[in-house]
Amino acid sequence: MSAPIVVVATIVAKPGHEDEVEKVFADAAPAVHAEPGCLLYALHRKTGATGVFVMVEKWASQEALGAHMQGAAMRGIGAALRDALAGAPDIQTLEAVPAGDAERGAL
């Protein structure tokens, strides 16, 4: 089994579409949380930056992340936000480098 994968995705809404972007992600969260391998899917707003959202995710494996990216929830998000985003999300995938306390040293 592969190691968990952490994803940090930065999403920028077009001016005037901030509430729409937040609602689409919030509405999709229950479906994503129910996907096999979803360990964390949490939306954040960047402090002091209107319309900038950061999704922090943790997937049990690369395979689970791949299934999520091809799944119904992501297709729905993409369709709903087609005209609401300033550009493509900036998606970073990360592998943990645990350090210190096991509970606090890795996401």
PDB file of N, CA and C in Angstrom:
ATOM      1  N   MET A   1       0.846  -1.186   0.000  1.00  0.00           N
ATOM      2  CA  MET A   1       0.000   0.000   0.000  1.00  0.00           C
ATOM      3  C   MET A   1       0.888   1.245   0.000  1.00  0.00           C
ATOM      4  N   SER A   2       0.530   2.231  -0.773  1.00  0.00           N
ATOM      5  CA  SER A   2       1.346   3.438  -0.855  1.00  0.00           C
ATOM      6  C   SER A   2       1.093   4.353   0.347  1.00  0.00           C
ATOM      7  N   ALA A   3       1.991   5.279   0.546  1.00  0.00           N
ATOM      8  CA  ALA A   3       1.896   6.224   1.660  1.00  0.00           C
ATOM      9  C   ALA A   3       0.804   7.252   1.396  1.00  0.00           C
ATOM     10  N   PRO A   4       0.241   7.826   2.461  1.00  0.00           N
ATOM     11  CA  PRO A   4      -0.748   8.893   2.275  1.00  0.00           C
ATOM     12  C   PRO A   4      -0.168  10.057   1.488  1.00  0.00           C
ATOM     13  N   ILE A   5      -1.042  10.733   0.764  1.00  0.00           N
ATOM     14  CA  ILE A   5      -0.673  11.879  -0.056  1.00  0.00           C
ATOM     15  C   ILE A   5      -1.421  13.103   0.467  1.00  0.00           C
ATOM     16  N   VAL A   6      -0.707  14.193   0.669  1.00  0.00           N
ATOM     17  CA  VAL A   6      -1.317  15.457   1.062  1.00  0.00           C
ATOM     18  C   VAL A   6      -1.370  16.357  -0.166  1.00  0.00           C
ATOM     19  N   VAL A   7      -2.489  17.026  -0.336  1.00  0.00           N
ATOM     20  CA  VAL A   7      -2.682  17.950  -1.446  1.00  0.00           C
ATOM     21  C   VAL A   7      -3.015  19.320  -0.872  1.00  0.00           C
ATOM     22  N   VAL A   8      -2.369  20.340  -1.413  1.00  0.00           N
ATOM     23  CA  VAL A   8      -2.698  21.720  -1.084  1.00  0.00           C
ATOM     24  C   VAL A   8      -3.027  22.399  -2.412  1.00  0.00           C
ATOM     25  N   ALA A   9      -4.286  22.784  -2.556  1.00  0.00           N
ATOM     26  CA  ALA A   9      -4.736  23.404  -3.804  1.00  0.00           C
ATOM     27  C   ALA A   9      -5.172  24.837  -3.517  1.00  0.00           C
ATOM     28  N   THR A  10      -4.595  25.782  -4.245  1.00  0.00           N
ATOM     29  CA  THR A  10      -4.969  27.185  -4.112  1.00  0.00           C
ATOM     30  C   THR A  10      -5.893  27.534  -5.277  1.00  0.00           C
ATOM     31  N   ILE A  11      -7.056  28.074  -4.921  1.00  0.00           N
ATOM     32  CA  ILE A  11      -8.106  28.371  -5.891  1.00  0.00           C
ATOM     33  C   ILE A  11      -8.421  29.856  -5.789  1.00  0.00           C
ATOM     34  N   VAL A  12      -8.416  30.567  -6.905  1.00  0.00           N
ATOM     35  CA  VAL A  12      -8.680  32.001  -6.904  1.00  0.00           C
ATOM     36  C   VAL A  12      -9.970  32.261  -7.685  1.00  0.00           C
ATOM     37  N   ALA A  13     -10.919  32.875  -6.997  1.00  0.00           N
ATOM     38  CA  ALA A  13     -12.196  33.229  -7.617  1.00  0.00           C
ATOM     39  C   ALA A  13     -12.065  34.521  -8.413  1.00  0.00           C
ATOM     40  N   LYS A  14     -12.812  34.608  -9.495  1.00  0.00           N
ATOM     41  CA  LYS A  14     -12.929  35.891 -10.188  1.00  0.00           C
ATOM     42  C   LYS A  14     -13.663  36.852  -9.264  1.00  0.00           C
ATOM     43  N   PRO A  15     -13.366  38.151  -9.355  1.00  0.00           N
ATOM     44  CA  PRO A  15     -14.097  39.114  -8.536  1.00  0.00           C
ATOM     45  C   PRO A  15     -15.609  38.959  -8.747  1.00  0.00           C
ATOM     46  N   GLY A  16     -16.324  38.965  -7.640  1.00  0.00           N
ATOM     47  CA  GLY A  16     -17.773  38.813  -7.686  1.00  0.00           C
ATOM     48  C   GLY A  16     -18.255  37.372  -7.614  1.00  0.00           C
ATOM     49  N   HIS A  17     -17.331  36.408  -7.667  1.00  0.00           N
ATOM     50  CA  HIS A  17     -17.697  34.989  -7.639  1.00  0.00           C
ATOM     51  C   HIS A  17     -17.234  34.287  -6.360  1.00  0.00           C
ATOM     52  N   GLU A  18     -16.769  35.048  -5.389  1.00  0.00           N
ATOM     53  CA  GLU A  18     -16.210  34.462  -4.174  1.00  0.00           C
ATOM     54  C   GLU A  18     -17.222  33.568  -3.440  1.00  0.00           C
ATOM     55  N   ASP A  19     -18.430  34.069  -3.238  1.00  0.00           N
ATOM     56  CA  ASP A  19     -19.447  33.289  -2.516  1.00  0.00           C
ATOM     57  C   ASP A  19     -19.812  32.023  -3.281  1.00  0.00           C
ATOM     58  N   GLU A  20     -19.894  32.126  -4.589  1.00  0.00           N
ATOM     59  CA  GLU A  20     -20.211  30.974  -5.431  1.00  0.00           C
ATOM     60  C   GLU A  20     -19.147  29.878  -5.292  1.00  0.00           C
ATOM     61  N   VAL A  21     -17.885  30.267  -5.342  1.00  0.00           N
ATOM     62  CA  VAL A  21     -16.795  29.296  -5.226  1.00  0.00           C
ATOM     63  C   VAL A  21     -16.853  28.607  -3.867  1.00  0.00           C
ATOM     64  N   GLU A  22     -17.009  29.392  -2.810  1.00  0.00           N
ATOM     65  CA  GLU A  22     -17.080  28.812  -1.466  1.00  0.00           C
ATOM     66  C   GLU A  22     -18.250  27.836  -1.350  1.00  0.00           C
ATOM     67  N   LYS A  23     -19.410  28.205  -1.871  1.00  0.00           N
ATOM     68  CA  LYS A  23     -20.592  27.345  -1.776  1.00  0.00           C
ATOM     69  C   LYS A  23     -20.416  26.045  -2.548  1.00  0.00           C
ATOM     70  N   VAL A  24     -19.842  26.107  -3.730  1.00  0.00           N
ATOM     71  CA  VAL A  24     -19.647  24.892  -4.527  1.00  0.00           C
ATOM     72  C   VAL A  24     -18.754  23.901  -3.773  1.00  0.00           C
ATOM     73  N   PHE A  25     -17.662  24.387  -3.208  1.00  0.00           N
ATOM     74  CA  PHE A  25     -16.775  23.482  -2.463  1.00  0.00           C
ATOM     75  C   PHE A  25     -17.443  22.970  -1.185  1.00  0.00           C
ATOM     76  N   ALA A  26     -18.137  23.840  -0.479  1.00  0.00           N
ATOM     77  CA  ALA A  26     -18.826  23.420   0.749  1.00  0.00           C
ATOM     78  C   ALA A  26     -19.898  22.374   0.443  1.00  0.00           C
ATOM     79  N   ASP A  27     -20.640  22.584  -0.634  1.00  0.00           N
ATOM     80  CA  ASP A  27     -21.691  21.634  -1.009  1.00  0.00           C
ATOM     81  C   ASP A  27     -21.115  20.288  -1.439  1.00  0.00           C
ATOM     82  N   ALA A  28     -19.921  20.288  -2.036  1.00  0.00           N
ATOM     83  CA  ALA A  28     -19.303  19.053  -2.517  1.00  0.00           C
ATOM     84  C   ALA A  28     -18.614  18.276  -1.395  1.00  0.00           C
ATOM     85  N   ALA A  29     -18.301  18.933  -0.288  1.00  0.00           N
ATOM     86  CA  ALA A  29     -17.516  18.299   0.773  1.00  0.00           C
ATOM     87  C   ALA A  29     -18.107  16.982   1.281  1.00  0.00           C
ATOM     88  N   PRO A  30     -19.399  16.877   1.572  1.00  0.00           N
ATOM     89  CA  PRO A  30     -19.910  15.591   2.062  1.00  0.00           C
ATOM     90  C   PRO A  30     -19.682  14.434   1.087  1.00  0.00           C
ATOM     91  N   ALA A  31     -19.841  14.685  -0.195  1.00  0.00           N
ATOM     92  CA  ALA A  31     -19.610  13.629  -1.188  1.00  0.00           C
ATOM     93  C   ALA A  31     -18.137  13.241  -1.234  1.00  0.00           C
ATOM     94  N   VAL A  32     -17.263  14.222  -1.165  1.00  0.00           N
ATOM     95  CA  VAL A  32     -15.824  13.927  -1.187  1.00  0.00           C
ATOM     96  C   VAL A  32     -15.422  13.191   0.087  1.00  0.00           C
ATOM     97  N   HIS A  33     -15.945  13.616   1.224  1.00  0.00           N
ATOM     98  CA  HIS A  33     -15.623  12.932   2.490  1.00  0.00           C
ATOM     99  C   HIS A  33     -16.023  11.460   2.448  1.00  0.00           C
ATOM    100  N   ALA A  34     -17.041  11.128   1.674  1.00  0.00           N
ATOM    101  CA  ALA A  34     -17.512   9.739   1.567  1.00  0.00           C
ATOM    102  C   ALA A  34     -16.708   8.908   0.567  1.00  0.00           C
ATOM    103  N   GLU A  35     -15.825   9.528  -0.191  1.00  0.00           N
ATOM    104  CA  GLU A  35     -15.037   8.796  -1.180  1.00  0.00           C
ATOM    105  C   GLU A  35     -14.026   7.882  -0.484  1.00  0.00           C
ATOM    106  N   PRO A  36     -13.806   6.688  -1.037  1.00  0.00           N
ATOM    107  CA  PRO A  36     -12.807   5.787  -0.461  1.00  0.00           C
ATOM    108  C   PRO A  36     -11.426   6.449  -0.417  1.00  0.00           C
ATOM    109  N   GLY A  37     -10.786   6.373   0.738  1.00  0.00           N
ATOM    110  CA  GLY A  37      -9.431   6.904   0.867  1.00  0.00           C
ATOM    111  C   GLY A  37      -9.342   8.357   1.263  1.00  0.00           C
ATOM    112  N   CYS A  38     -10.482   9.056   1.399  1.00  0.00           N
ATOM    113  CA  CYS A  38     -10.430  10.464   1.821  1.00  0.00           C
ATOM    114  C   CYS A  38     -10.196  10.517   3.323  1.00  0.00           C
ATOM    115  N   LEU A  39      -9.072  11.080   3.724  1.00  0.00           N
ATOM    116  CA  LEU A  39      -8.732  11.235   5.133  1.00  0.00           C
ATOM    117  C   LEU A  39      -8.947  12.668   5.614  1.00  0.00           C
ATOM    118  N   LEU A  40      -8.905  13.626   4.687  1.00  0.00           N
ATOM    119  CA  LEU A  40      -9.098  15.038   5.012  1.00  0.00           C
ATOM    120  C   LEU A  40      -9.438  15.781   3.728  1.00  0.00           C
ATOM    121  N   TYR A  41     -10.439  16.641   3.798  1.00  0.00           N
ATOM    122  CA  TYR A  41     -10.802  17.510   2.677  1.00  0.00           C
ATOM    123  C   TYR A  41     -11.372  18.753   3.327  1.00  0.00           C
ATOM    124  N   ALA A  42     -10.545  19.788   3.494  1.00  0.00           N
ATOM    125  CA  ALA A  42     -10.900  20.941   4.310  1.00  0.00           C
ATOM    126  C   ALA A  42     -10.617  22.242   3.561  1.00  0.00           C
ATOM    127  N   LEU A  43     -11.674  23.042   3.381  1.00  0.00           N
ATOM    128  CA  LEU A  43     -11.564  24.312   2.673  1.00  0.00           C
ATOM    129  C   LEU A  43     -11.192  25.427   3.645  1.00  0.00           C
ATOM    130  N   HIS A  44     -10.294  26.315   3.201  1.00  0.00           N
ATOM    131  CA  HIS A  44      -9.858  27.467   3.986  1.00  0.00           C
ATOM    132  C   HIS A  44      -9.900  28.706   3.097  1.00  0.00           C
ATOM    133  N   ARG A  45     -10.091  29.862   3.728  1.00  0.00           N
ATOM    134  CA  ARG A  45      -9.950  31.144   3.041  1.00  0.00           C
ATOM    135  C   ARG A  45      -8.598  31.714   3.425  1.00  0.00           C
ATOM    136  N   LYS A  46      -7.876  32.260   2.469  1.00  0.00           N
ATOM    137  CA  LYS A  46      -6.590  32.898   2.773  1.00  0.00           C
ATOM    138  C   LYS A  46      -6.867  34.204   3.510  1.00  0.00           C
ATOM    139  N   THR A  47      -6.269  34.348   4.662  1.00  0.00           N
ATOM    140  CA  THR A  47      -6.470  35.542   5.472  1.00  0.00           C
ATOM    141  C   THR A  47      -6.022  36.784   4.713  1.00  0.00           C
ATOM    142  N   GLY A  48      -6.904  37.774   4.649  1.00  0.00           N
ATOM    143  CA  GLY A  48      -6.570  39.046   4.033  1.00  0.00           C
ATOM    144  C   GLY A  48      -6.566  39.053   2.518  1.00  0.00           C
ATOM    145  N   ALA A  49      -7.027  37.973   1.892  1.00  0.00           N
ATOM    146  CA  ALA A  49      -7.017  37.893   0.425  1.00  0.00           C
ATOM    147  C   ALA A  49      -8.405  37.465  -0.053  1.00  0.00           C
ATOM    148  N   THR A  50      -9.227  38.416  -0.383  1.00  0.00           N
ATOM    149  CA  THR A  50     -10.580  38.119  -0.838  1.00  0.00           C
ATOM    150  C   THR A  50     -10.547  37.222  -2.072  1.00  0.00           C
ATOM    151  N   GLY A  51     -11.295  36.139  -2.002  1.00  0.00           N
ATOM    152  CA  GLY A  51     -11.420  35.267  -3.162  1.00  0.00           C
ATOM    153  C   GLY A  51     -10.327  34.239  -3.334  1.00  0.00           C
ATOM    154  N   VAL A  52      -9.423  34.119  -2.374  1.00  0.00           N
ATOM    155  CA  VAL A  52      -8.378  33.107  -2.455  1.00  0.00           C
ATOM    156  C   VAL A  52      -8.703  32.013  -1.434  1.00  0.00           C
ATOM    157  N   PHE A  53      -8.877  30.803  -1.945  1.00  0.00           N
ATOM    158  CA  PHE A  53      -9.216  29.657  -1.112  1.00  0.00           C
ATOM    159  C   PHE A  53      -8.091  28.633  -1.193  1.00  0.00           C
ATOM    160  N   VAL A  54      -7.901  27.908  -0.092  1.00  0.00           N
ATOM    161  CA  VAL A  54      -6.906  26.851  -0.062  1.00  0.00           C
ATOM    162  C   VAL A  54      -7.596  25.585   0.442  1.00  0.00           C
ATOM    163  N   MET A  55      -7.558  24.541  -0.372  1.00  0.00           N
ATOM    164  CA  MET A  55      -8.102  23.246   0.011  1.00  0.00           C
ATOM    165  C   MET A  55      -6.933  22.388   0.479  1.00  0.00           C
ATOM    166  N   VAL A  56      -7.034  21.878   1.701  1.00  0.00           N
ATOM    167  CA  VAL A  56      -6.034  20.974   2.242  1.00  0.00           C
ATOM    168  C   VAL A  56      -6.667  19.585   2.269  1.00  0.00           C
ATOM    169  N   GLU A  57      -6.003  18.639   1.633  1.00  0.00           N
ATOM    170  CA  GLU A  57      -6.549  17.289   1.502  1.00  0.00           C
ATOM    171  C   GLU A  57      -5.510  16.273   1.943  1.00  0.00           C
ATOM    172  N   LYS A  58      -6.001  15.130   2.394  1.00  0.00           N
ATOM    173  CA  LYS A  58      -5.123  14.001   2.672  1.00  0.00           C
ATOM    174  C   LYS A  58      -5.834  12.759   2.168  1.00  0.00           C
ATOM    175  N   TRP A  59      -5.125  12.001   1.346  1.00  0.00           N
ATOM    176  CA  TRP A  59      -5.662  10.789   0.730  1.00  0.00           C
ATOM    177  C   TRP A  59      -4.841   9.592   1.170  1.00  0.00           C
ATOM    178  N   ALA A  60      -5.489   8.471   1.356  1.00  0.00           N
ATOM    179  CA  ALA A  60      -4.830   7.265   1.853  1.00  0.00           C
ATOM    180  C   ALA A  60      -3.744   6.766   0.901  1.00  0.00           C
ATOM    181  N   SER A  61      -3.887   7.080  -0.384  1.00  0.00           N
ATOM    182  CA  SER A  61      -2.921   6.599  -1.375  1.00  0.00           C
ATOM    183  C   SER A  61      -3.020   7.443  -2.634  1.00  0.00           C
ATOM    184  N   GLN A  62      -2.028   7.291  -3.490  1.00  0.00           N
ATOM    185  CA  GLN A  62      -2.056   7.946  -4.793  1.00  0.00           C
ATOM    186  C   GLN A  62      -3.251   7.442  -5.601  1.00  0.00           C
ATOM    187  N   GLU A  63      -3.577   6.167  -5.444  1.00  0.00           N
ATOM    188  CA  GLU A  63      -4.716   5.587  -6.165  1.00  0.00           C
ATOM    189  C   GLU A  63      -6.031   6.236  -5.728  1.00  0.00           C
ATOM    190  N   ALA A  64      -6.188   6.471  -4.428  1.00  0.00           N
ATOM    191  CA  ALA A  64      -7.402   7.125  -3.929  1.00  0.00           C
ATOM    192  C   ALA A  64      -7.493   8.555  -4.449  1.00  0.00           C
ATOM    193  N   LEU A  65      -6.367   9.259  -4.474  1.00  0.00           N
ATOM    194  CA  LEU A  65      -6.349  10.614  -5.022  1.00  0.00           C
ATOM    195  C   LEU A  65      -6.715  10.592  -6.500  1.00  0.00           C
ATOM    196  N   GLY A  66      -6.164   9.642  -7.240  1.00  0.00           N
ATOM    197  CA  GLY A  66      -6.467   9.542  -8.663  1.00  0.00           C
ATOM    198  C   GLY A  66      -7.946   9.286  -8.909  1.00  0.00           C
ATOM    199  N   ALA A  67      -8.543   8.407  -8.108  1.00  0.00           N
ATOM    200  CA  ALA A  67      -9.977   8.137  -8.240  1.00  0.00           C
ATOM    201  C   ALA A  67     -10.789   9.388  -7.927  1.00  0.00           C
ATOM    202  N   HIS A  68     -10.376  10.129  -6.916  1.00  0.00           N
ATOM    203  CA  HIS A  68     -11.055  11.383  -6.571  1.00  0.00           C
ATOM    204  C   HIS A  68     -10.999  12.377  -7.731  1.00  0.00           C
ATOM    205  N   MET A  69      -9.821  12.511  -8.311  1.00  0.00           N
ATOM    206  CA  MET A  69      -9.657  13.485  -9.399  1.00  0.00           C
ATOM    207  C   MET A  69     -10.519  13.152 -10.616  1.00  0.00           C
ATOM    208  N   GLN A  70     -10.851  11.871 -10.795  1.00  0.00           N
ATOM    209  CA  GLN A  70     -11.682  11.436 -11.924  1.00  0.00           C
ATOM    210  C   GLN A  70     -13.147  11.242 -11.532  1.00  0.00           C
ATOM    211  N   GLY A  71     -13.472  11.461 -10.252  1.00  0.00           N
ATOM    212  CA  GLY A  71     -14.789  11.133  -9.735  1.00  0.00           C
ATOM    213  C   GLY A  71     -15.869  12.164 -10.014  1.00  0.00           C
ATOM    214  N   ALA A  72     -17.074  11.783  -9.638  1.00  0.00           N
ATOM    215  CA  ALA A  72     -18.256  12.605  -9.886  1.00  0.00           C
ATOM    216  C   ALA A  72     -18.189  13.951  -9.172  1.00  0.00           C
ATOM    217  N   ALA A  73     -17.685  13.973  -7.935  1.00  0.00           N
ATOM    218  CA  ALA A  73     -17.625  15.238  -7.193  1.00  0.00           C
ATOM    219  C   ALA A  73     -16.728  16.242  -7.909  1.00  0.00           C
ATOM    220  N   MET A  74     -15.574  15.799  -8.366  1.00  0.00           N
ATOM    221  CA  MET A  74     -14.660  16.717  -9.059  1.00  0.00           C
ATOM    222  C   MET A  74     -15.225  17.162 -10.401  1.00  0.00           C
ATOM    223  N   ARG A  75     -15.895  16.256 -11.095  1.00  0.00           N
ATOM    224  CA  ARG A  75     -16.537  16.668 -12.356  1.00  0.00           C
ATOM    225  C   ARG A  75     -17.596  17.738 -12.088  1.00  0.00           C
ATOM    226  N   GLY A  76     -18.355  17.567 -11.012  1.00  0.00           N
ATOM    227  CA  GLY A  76     -19.379  18.548 -10.653  1.00  0.00           C
ATOM    228  C   GLY A  76     -18.777  19.886 -10.272  1.00  0.00           C
ATOM    229  N   ILE A  77     -17.699  19.852  -9.492  1.00  0.00           N
ATOM    230  CA  ILE A  77     -17.019  21.094  -9.107  1.00  0.00           C
ATOM    231  C   ILE A  77     -16.502  21.806 -10.351  1.00  0.00           C
ATOM    232  N   GLY A  78     -15.858  21.062 -11.224  1.00  0.00           N
ATOM    233  CA  GLY A  78     -15.311  21.658 -12.446  1.00  0.00           C
ATOM    234  C   GLY A  78     -16.389  22.307 -13.300  1.00  0.00           C
ATOM    235  N   ALA A  79     -17.508  21.620 -13.465  1.00  0.00           N
ATOM    236  CA  ALA A  79     -18.604  22.162 -14.280  1.00  0.00           C
ATOM    237  C   ALA A  79     -19.201  23.403 -13.628  1.00  0.00           C
ATOM    238  N   ALA A  80     -19.393  23.354 -12.310  1.00  0.00           N
ATOM    239  CA  ALA A  80     -20.023  24.465 -11.606  1.00  0.00           C
ATOM    240  C   ALA A  80     -19.151  25.714 -11.579  1.00  0.00           C
ATOM    241  N   LEU A  81     -17.837  25.523 -11.585  1.00  0.00           N
ATOM    242  CA  LEU A  81     -16.918  26.665 -11.451  1.00  0.00           C
ATOM    243  C   LEU A  81     -16.224  27.059 -12.748  1.00  0.00           C
ATOM    244  N   ARG A  82     -16.658  26.488 -13.837  1.00  0.00           N
ATOM    245  CA  ARG A  82     -16.008  26.728 -15.133  1.00  0.00           C
ATOM    246  C   ARG A  82     -15.763  28.214 -15.398  1.00  0.00           C
ATOM    247  N   ASP A  83     -16.729  29.074 -15.079  1.00  0.00           N
ATOM    248  CA  ASP A  83     -16.600  30.502 -15.378  1.00  0.00           C
ATOM    249  C   ASP A  83     -16.355  31.358 -14.144  1.00  0.00           C
ATOM    250  N   ALA A  84     -16.138  30.729 -12.979  1.00  0.00           N
ATOM    251  CA  ALA A  84     -16.028  31.470 -11.734  1.00  0.00           C
ATOM    252  C   ALA A  84     -14.589  31.631 -11.245  1.00  0.00           C
ATOM    253  N   LEU A  85     -13.643  30.939 -11.860  1.00  0.00           N
ATOM    254  CA  LEU A  85     -12.265  30.981 -11.383  1.00  0.00           C
ATOM    255  C   LEU A  85     -11.385  31.879 -12.239  1.00  0.00           C
ATOM    256  N   ALA A  86     -10.416  32.510 -11.592  1.00  0.00           N
ATOM    257  CA  ALA A  86      -9.492  33.402 -12.294  1.00  0.00           C
ATOM    258  C   ALA A  86      -8.485  32.629 -13.130  1.00  0.00           C
ATOM    259  N   GLY A  87      -8.326  31.350 -12.853  1.00  0.00           N
ATOM    260  CA  GLY A  87      -7.387  30.499 -13.583  1.00  0.00           C
ATOM    261  C   GLY A  87      -7.441  29.100 -13.017  1.00  0.00           C
ATOM    262  N   ALA A  88      -6.620  28.237 -13.534  1.00  0.00           N
ATOM    263  CA  ALA A  88      -6.574  26.864 -13.036  1.00  0.00           C
ATOM    264  C   ALA A  88      -6.045  26.859 -11.600  1.00  0.00           C
ATOM    265  N   PRO A  89      -6.576  25.989 -10.754  1.00  0.00           N
ATOM    266  CA  PRO A  89      -6.037  25.886  -9.389  1.00  0.00           C
ATOM    267  C   PRO A  89      -4.554  25.504  -9.410  1.00  0.00           C
ATOM    268  N   ASP A  90      -3.825  26.013  -8.431  1.00  0.00           N
ATOM    269  CA  ASP A  90      -2.430  25.637  -8.235  1.00  0.00           C
ATOM    270  C   ASP A  90      -2.441  24.450  -7.280  1.00  0.00           C
ATOM    271  N   ILE A  91      -2.112  23.267  -7.776  1.00  0.00           N
ATOM    272  CA  ILE A  91      -2.209  22.040  -6.991  1.00  0.00           C
ATOM    273  C   ILE A  91      -0.817  21.513  -6.683  1.00  0.00           C
ATOM    274  N   GLN A  92      -0.545  21.360  -5.386  1.00  0.00           N
ATOM    275  CA  GLN A  92       0.723  20.806  -4.916  1.00  0.00           C
ATOM    276  C   GLN A  92       0.428  19.478  -4.225  1.00  0.00           C
ATOM    277  N   THR A  93       1.145  18.427  -4.573  1.00  0.00           N
ATOM    278  CA  THR A  93       1.032  17.167  -3.849  1.00  0.00           C
ATOM    279  C   THR A  93       2.293  16.995  -3.011  1.00  0.00           C
ATOM    280  N   LEU A  94       2.094  16.518  -1.788  1.00  0.00           N
ATOM    281  CA  LEU A  94       3.182  16.462  -0.821  1.00  0.00           C
ATOM    282  C   LEU A  94       3.258  15.090  -0.171  1.00  0.00           C
ATOM    283  N   GLU A  95       4.463  14.666   0.150  1.00  0.00           N
ATOM    284  CA  GLU A  95       4.693  13.461   0.927  1.00  0.00           C
ATOM    285  C   GLU A  95       5.231  13.905   2.284  1.00  0.00           C
ATOM    286  N   ALA A  96       4.671  13.359   3.348  1.00  0.00           N
ATOM    287  CA  ALA A  96       5.076  13.757   4.695  1.00  0.00           C
ATOM    288  C   ALA A  96       6.518  13.342   4.987  1.00  0.00           C
ATOM    289  N   VAL A  97       7.176  14.178   5.744  1.00  0.00           N
ATOM    290  CA  VAL A  97       8.487  13.875   6.314  1.00  0.00           C
ATOM    291  C   VAL A  97       8.276  13.989   7.825  1.00  0.00           C
ATOM    292  N   PRO A  98       7.789  12.916   8.465  1.00  0.00           N
ATOM    293  CA  PRO A  98       7.453  12.986   9.888  1.00  0.00           C
ATOM    294  C   PRO A  98       8.656  13.389  10.736  1.00  0.00           C
ATOM    295  N   ALA A  99       8.373  14.222  11.736  1.00  0.00           N
ATOM    296  CA  ALA A  99       9.424  14.655  12.652  1.00  0.00           C
ATOM    297  C   ALA A  99       8.795  14.939  14.012  1.00  0.00           C
ATOM    298  N   GLY A 100       9.524  14.674  15.055  1.00  0.00           N
ATOM    299  CA  GLY A 100       9.016  14.967  16.386  1.00  0.00           C
ATOM    300  C   GLY A 100       7.877  14.056  16.782  1.00  0.00           C
ATOM    301  N   ASP A 101       6.904  14.582  17.472  1.00  0.00           N
ATOM    302  CA  ASP A 101       5.741  13.853  17.958  1.00  0.00           C
ATOM    303  C   ASP A 101       4.965  13.248  16.785  1.00  0.00           C
ATOM    304  N   ALA A 102       4.639  11.971  16.889  1.00  0.00           N
ATOM    305  CA  ALA A 102       3.952  11.278  15.793  1.00  0.00           C
ATOM    306  C   ALA A 102       2.618  11.893  15.446  1.00  0.00           C
ATOM    307  N   GLU A 103       1.896  12.436  16.431  1.00  0.00           N
ATOM    308  CA  GLU A 103       0.578  13.037  16.187  1.00  0.00           C
ATOM    309  C   GLU A 103       0.681  14.453  15.612  1.00  0.00           C
ATOM    310  N   ARG A 104       1.777  15.111  15.877  1.00  0.00           N
ATOM    311  CA  ARG A 104       1.912  16.514  15.466  1.00  0.00           C
ATOM    312  C   ARG A 104       2.950  16.747  14.386  1.00  0.00           C
ATOM    313  N   GLY A 105       3.706  15.723  14.056  1.00  0.00           N
ATOM    314  CA  GLY A 105       4.813  15.894  13.131  1.00  0.00           C
ATOM    315  C   GLY A 105       4.492  15.602  11.688  1.00  0.00           C
ATOM    316  N   ALA A 106       3.239  15.214  11.414  1.00  0.00           N
ATOM    317  CA  ALA A 106       2.840  14.964  10.032  1.00  0.00           C
ATOM    318  C   ALA A 106       1.346  15.176   9.923  1.00  0.00           C
ATOM    319  N   LEU A 107       0.934  15.623   8.789  1.00  0.00           N
ATOM    320  CA  LEU A 107      -0.492  15.832   8.526  1.00  0.00           C
ATOM    321  C   LEU A 107      -1.115  14.514   8.125  1.00  0.00           C
TER     322      LEU A 107
END
